[in-house]
C-alpha cells in the first residue's frame, strides 16, 4: 500500500511540474462549461470565517489562486502559509505574491500528510487538493490537530456524483485527467472523513453535484478523534 501511495504521489508531482506553466490560463476555460471557479473559491474562503490578524494555511496552493481572497481576509497583520507538493507551482505562487507586494506570505514544498504546521492556525483552506491525495485522511487529521480551538478547515473538491450515468462520469474524468483525475481518485469523497475530526461539519454541492464545499469546525483533540 505504501509503495502504491508513493507511486501516486510521484505521478501527481510530475503532472503538476508539467502543468505549472499553463495552469493559470487553462483553468478559466472551465467557465465555458458553466464552472464558476472564482465564485466557488470565494465561498471556500468565506466559509473559514477568517479575521484580520489570523493565520491561515492554503494546502495545495498551486499557483496561489486563493491568495488574493485569503489576503483580503487576514489583512497585512495576518499570515498566510502556502503549501504545495510541486516546486514549479510554488514558484508561480511566489511570483504572484511578489507582484502583489504581499510580505506576509511564506511558501513550503511539503506533503500535506506530513506537514509541520505553524502555531495557532485559525484556518486551513484546500481547493481541489485532498481528493488527489492517496492518504487524504492523514492530511485531514494533521490539519485538524494543528487548528486552534474554533478553527475551521474548508475544502473545495471535485467528485463524480453517484447519480450521474456512467458515460457522463467517464466523460468528466477524461476532461479532468490533465489535472490529475483518475478513475480511482475521481470518486474520492474526502469530506466524509471530517466528522471524525470536527464537532461540526457542513457539506454543500455545486455544479450539479460535481463540486463540493465542505467545512469542518471545532477540531477535536487527537484523543477524541481516535476514540
Foldseek 3Di string as FASTA:
>chain_A
DVVVLVVLLVVLQVLLLVCLVPVVVVVVVVVVVVDPVVVVLLVQLVVQVAAAQAEEEEEQCFLPPSVVVNCVHHDLNHAYEYEHQYPSRVVNNVVVCVVVVRPRYHYDNDDLLDDDDDAAHQEYEYEQHLLSRPPSLSSVQVVLQRYDFFHKYKYKHFAQDPPDDPVVSVVVQVVCVSNRRDPPSRHDDSLVSQVLFAVDKDWDADDVRRMIMMMGTGTDHPVSSVD
